């Protein structure tokens, strides 16, 4: 009988993934397009691979403020819009009051 090597490889891969998510890994690079020493476009690429806990520990939590990713952020934005509209309505009503 042959030994199941796939389970050993899976364990090794799981260990590596756990270490990467625990410590985090950053990949950074820049792409710059120039013609005759004139910068036409610069693209900065940053990739962070880490667990959510590790990212938050490092102070990275942009997804919590993104209205497309967080319902709490969306609700907060809607509440701010509502308050702004209510304030504008009060001003308009005050302008239209009879003297």
C-alpha atoms as a PDB file:
ATOM      1  CA  UNK A   1       0.000   0.000   0.000  1.00  0.00           C
ATOM      2  CA  UNK A   2       1.129   3.533  -0.717  1.00  0.00           C
ATOM      3  CA  UNK A   3       1.150   6.157   1.989  1.00  0.00           C
ATOM      4  CA  UNK A   4      -1.310   9.080   1.723  1.00  0.00           C
ATOM      5  CA  UNK A   5       1.059  11.956   0.982  1.00  0.00           C
ATOM      6  CA  UNK A   6      -1.757  14.398   0.309  1.00  0.00           C
ATOM      7  CA  UNK A   7      -2.707  14.602   3.999  1.00  0.00           C
ATOM      8  CA  UNK A   8       0.861  15.519   4.926  1.00  0.00           C
ATOM      9  CA  UNK A   9       0.939  18.192   2.226  1.00  0.00           C
ATOM     10  CA  UNK A  10      -2.439  19.540   3.352  1.00  0.00           C
ATOM     11  CA  UNK A  11      -1.193  19.801   6.921  1.00  0.00           C
ATOM     12  CA  UNK A  12       1.933  21.598   5.750  1.00  0.00           C
ATOM     13  CA  UNK A  13      -0.126  24.000   3.648  1.00  0.00           C
ATOM     14  CA  UNK A  14      -2.523  24.597   6.539  1.00  0.00           C
ATOM     15  CA  UNK A  15       0.428  25.365   8.834  1.00  0.00           C
ATOM     16  CA  UNK A  16       1.903  27.792   6.322  1.00  0.00           C
ATOM     17  CA  UNK A  17      -1.443  29.508   5.813  1.00  0.00           C
ATOM     18  CA  UNK A  18      -1.953  29.778   9.568  1.00  0.00           C
ATOM     19  CA  UNK A  19       1.487  31.373   9.989  1.00  0.00           C
ATOM     20  CA  UNK A  20       0.898  33.843   7.149  1.00  0.00           C
ATOM     21  CA  UNK A  21      -2.494  34.866   8.533  1.00  0.00           C
ATOM     22  CA  UNK A  22      -1.083  35.121  12.049  1.00  0.00           C
ATOM     23  CA  UNK A  23       1.931  37.251  11.123  1.00  0.00           C
ATOM     24  CA  UNK A  24       0.689  38.869   7.927  1.00  0.00           C
ATOM     25  CA  UNK A  25       2.523  39.442   4.682  1.00  0.00           C
ATOM     26  CA  UNK A  26       2.814  42.630   2.646  1.00  0.00           C
ATOM     27  CA  UNK A  27       3.479  42.793  -1.078  1.00  0.00           C
ATOM     28  CA  UNK A  28       4.125  46.236  -2.524  1.00  0.00           C
ATOM     29  CA  UNK A  29       4.932  47.505  -5.971  1.00  0.00           C
ATOM     30  CA  UNK A  30       4.709  50.539  -8.220  1.00  0.00           C
ATOM     31  CA  UNK A  31       3.942  50.768 -11.923  1.00  0.00           C
ATOM     32  CA  UNK A  32       5.052  53.953 -13.623  1.00  0.00           C
ATOM     33  CA  UNK A  33       4.544  54.866 -17.283  1.00  0.00           C
ATOM     34  CA  UNK A  34       6.822  57.600 -18.612  1.00  0.00           C
ATOM     35  CA  UNK A  35       7.515  59.137 -21.974  1.00  0.00           C
ATOM     36  CA  UNK A  36      10.580  61.386 -22.310  1.00  0.00           C
ATOM     37  CA  UNK A  37      10.966  61.672 -18.529  1.00  0.00           C
ATOM     38  CA  UNK A  38       7.350  62.804 -18.120  1.00  0.00           C
ATOM     39  CA  UNK A  39       5.227  60.725 -15.764  1.00  0.00           C
ATOM     40  CA  UNK A  40       1.981  59.835 -17.487  1.00  0.00           C
ATOM     41  CA  UNK A  41       0.580  57.484 -14.892  1.00  0.00           C
ATOM     42  CA  UNK A  42       1.701  55.981 -11.604  1.00  0.00           C
ATOM     43  CA  UNK A  43      -0.104  53.065 -10.011  1.00  0.00           C
ATOM     44  CA  UNK A  44       0.772  52.022  -6.486  1.00  0.00           C
ATOM     45  CA  UNK A  45      -0.148  48.467  -5.610  1.00  0.00           C
ATOM     46  CA  UNK A  46      -0.232  47.287  -2.013  1.00  0.00           C
ATOM     47  CA  UNK A  47      -1.437  43.861  -0.921  1.00  0.00           C
ATOM     48  CA  UNK A  48      -1.758  42.745   2.671  1.00  0.00           C
ATOM     49  CA  UNK A  49      -2.618  39.167   3.515  1.00  0.00           C
ATOM     50  CA  UNK A  50      -3.498  38.721   7.178  1.00  0.00           C
ATOM     51  CA  UNK A  51      -6.307  37.585   9.402  1.00  0.00           C
ATOM     52  CA  UNK A  52      -8.963  40.132  10.323  1.00  0.00           C
ATOM     53  CA  UNK A  53      -7.751  40.095  13.928  1.00  0.00           C
ATOM     54  CA  UNK A  54      -4.155  40.764  12.884  1.00  0.00           C
ATOM     55  CA  UNK A  55      -5.206  43.535  10.479  1.00  0.00           C
ATOM     56  CA  UNK A  56      -7.237  45.248  13.205  1.00  0.00           C
ATOM     57  CA  UNK A  57      -4.319  44.849  15.607  1.00  0.00           C
ATOM     58  CA  UNK A  58      -2.195  46.749  13.049  1.00  0.00           C
ATOM     59  CA  UNK A  59      -4.850  49.473  12.835  1.00  0.00           C
ATOM     60  CA  UNK A  60      -6.216  48.441   9.442  1.00  0.00           C
ATOM     61  CA  UNK A  61     -10.016  48.423   9.445  1.00  0.00           C
ATOM     62  CA  UNK A  62     -11.101  50.212   6.263  1.00  0.00           C
ATOM     63  CA  UNK A  63     -13.777  47.613   5.524  1.00  0.00           C
ATOM     64  CA  UNK A  64     -15.709  48.758   8.592  1.00  0.00           C
ATOM     65  CA  UNK A  65     -16.133  52.243   7.082  1.00  0.00           C
ATOM     66  CA  UNK A  66     -16.843  51.122   3.502  1.00  0.00           C
ATOM     67  CA  UNK A  67     -20.556  51.500   2.805  1.00  0.00           C
ATOM     68  CA  UNK A  68     -20.445  48.724   0.202  1.00  0.00           C
ATOM     69  CA  UNK A  69     -18.978  46.222   2.688  1.00  0.00           C
ATOM     70  CA  UNK A  70     -20.508  47.220   6.019  1.00  0.00           C
ATOM     71  CA  UNK A  71     -24.192  47.591   6.808  1.00  0.00           C
ATOM     72  CA  UNK A  72     -23.279  49.625   9.903  1.00  0.00           C
ATOM     73  CA  UNK A  73     -21.330  52.089   7.769  1.00  0.00           C
ATOM     74  CA  UNK A  74     -24.244  52.303   5.318  1.00  0.00           C
ATOM     75  CA  UNK A  75     -26.723  52.922   8.138  1.00  0.00           C
ATOM     76  CA  UNK A  76     -24.446  55.619   9.559  1.00  0.00           C
ATOM     77  CA  UNK A  77     -24.216  57.320   6.165  1.00  0.00           C
ATOM     78  CA  UNK A  78     -28.000  57.189   5.732  1.00  0.00           C
ATOM     79  CA  UNK A  79     -28.525  58.696   9.193  1.00  0.00           C
ATOM     80  CA  UNK A  80     -26.130  61.541   8.347  1.00  0.00           C
ATOM     81  CA  UNK A  81     -27.958  62.179   5.082  1.00  0.00           C
ATOM     82  CA  UNK A  82     -31.283  62.200   6.919  1.00  0.00           C
ATOM     83  CA  UNK A  83     -29.993  64.695   9.500  1.00  0.00           C
ATOM     84  CA  UNK A  84     -28.680  66.941   6.717  1.00  0.00           C
ATOM     85  CA  UNK A  85     -31.991  66.823   4.879  1.00  0.00           C
ATOM     86  CA  UNK A  86     -33.947  67.545   8.060  1.00  0.00           C
ATOM     87  CA  UNK A  87     -31.733  70.568   8.798  1.00  0.00           C
ATOM     88  CA  UNK A  88     -32.214  71.879   5.247  1.00  0.00           C
ATOM     89  CA  UNK A  89     -35.969  71.368   5.518  1.00  0.00           C
ATOM     90  CA  UNK A  90     -36.083  73.313   8.783  1.00  0.00           C
ATOM     91  CA  UNK A  91     -34.212  76.214   7.139  1.00  0.00           C
ATOM     92  CA  UNK A  92     -36.611  76.215   4.171  1.00  0.00           C
ATOM     93  CA  UNK A  93     -39.641  76.118   6.454  1.00  0.00           C
ATOM     94  CA  UNK A  94     -38.222  79.010   8.489  1.00  0.00           C
ATOM     95  CA  UNK A  95     -37.788  81.046   5.296  1.00  0.00           C
ATOM     96  CA  UNK A  96     -41.356  80.377   4.211  1.00  0.00           C
ATOM     97  CA  UNK A  97     -43.061  81.321   7.490  1.00  0.00           C
ATOM     98  CA  UNK A  98     -45.457  84.264   7.101  1.00  0.00           C
ATOM     99  CA  UNK A  99     -44.380  87.470   8.787  1.00  0.00           C
END
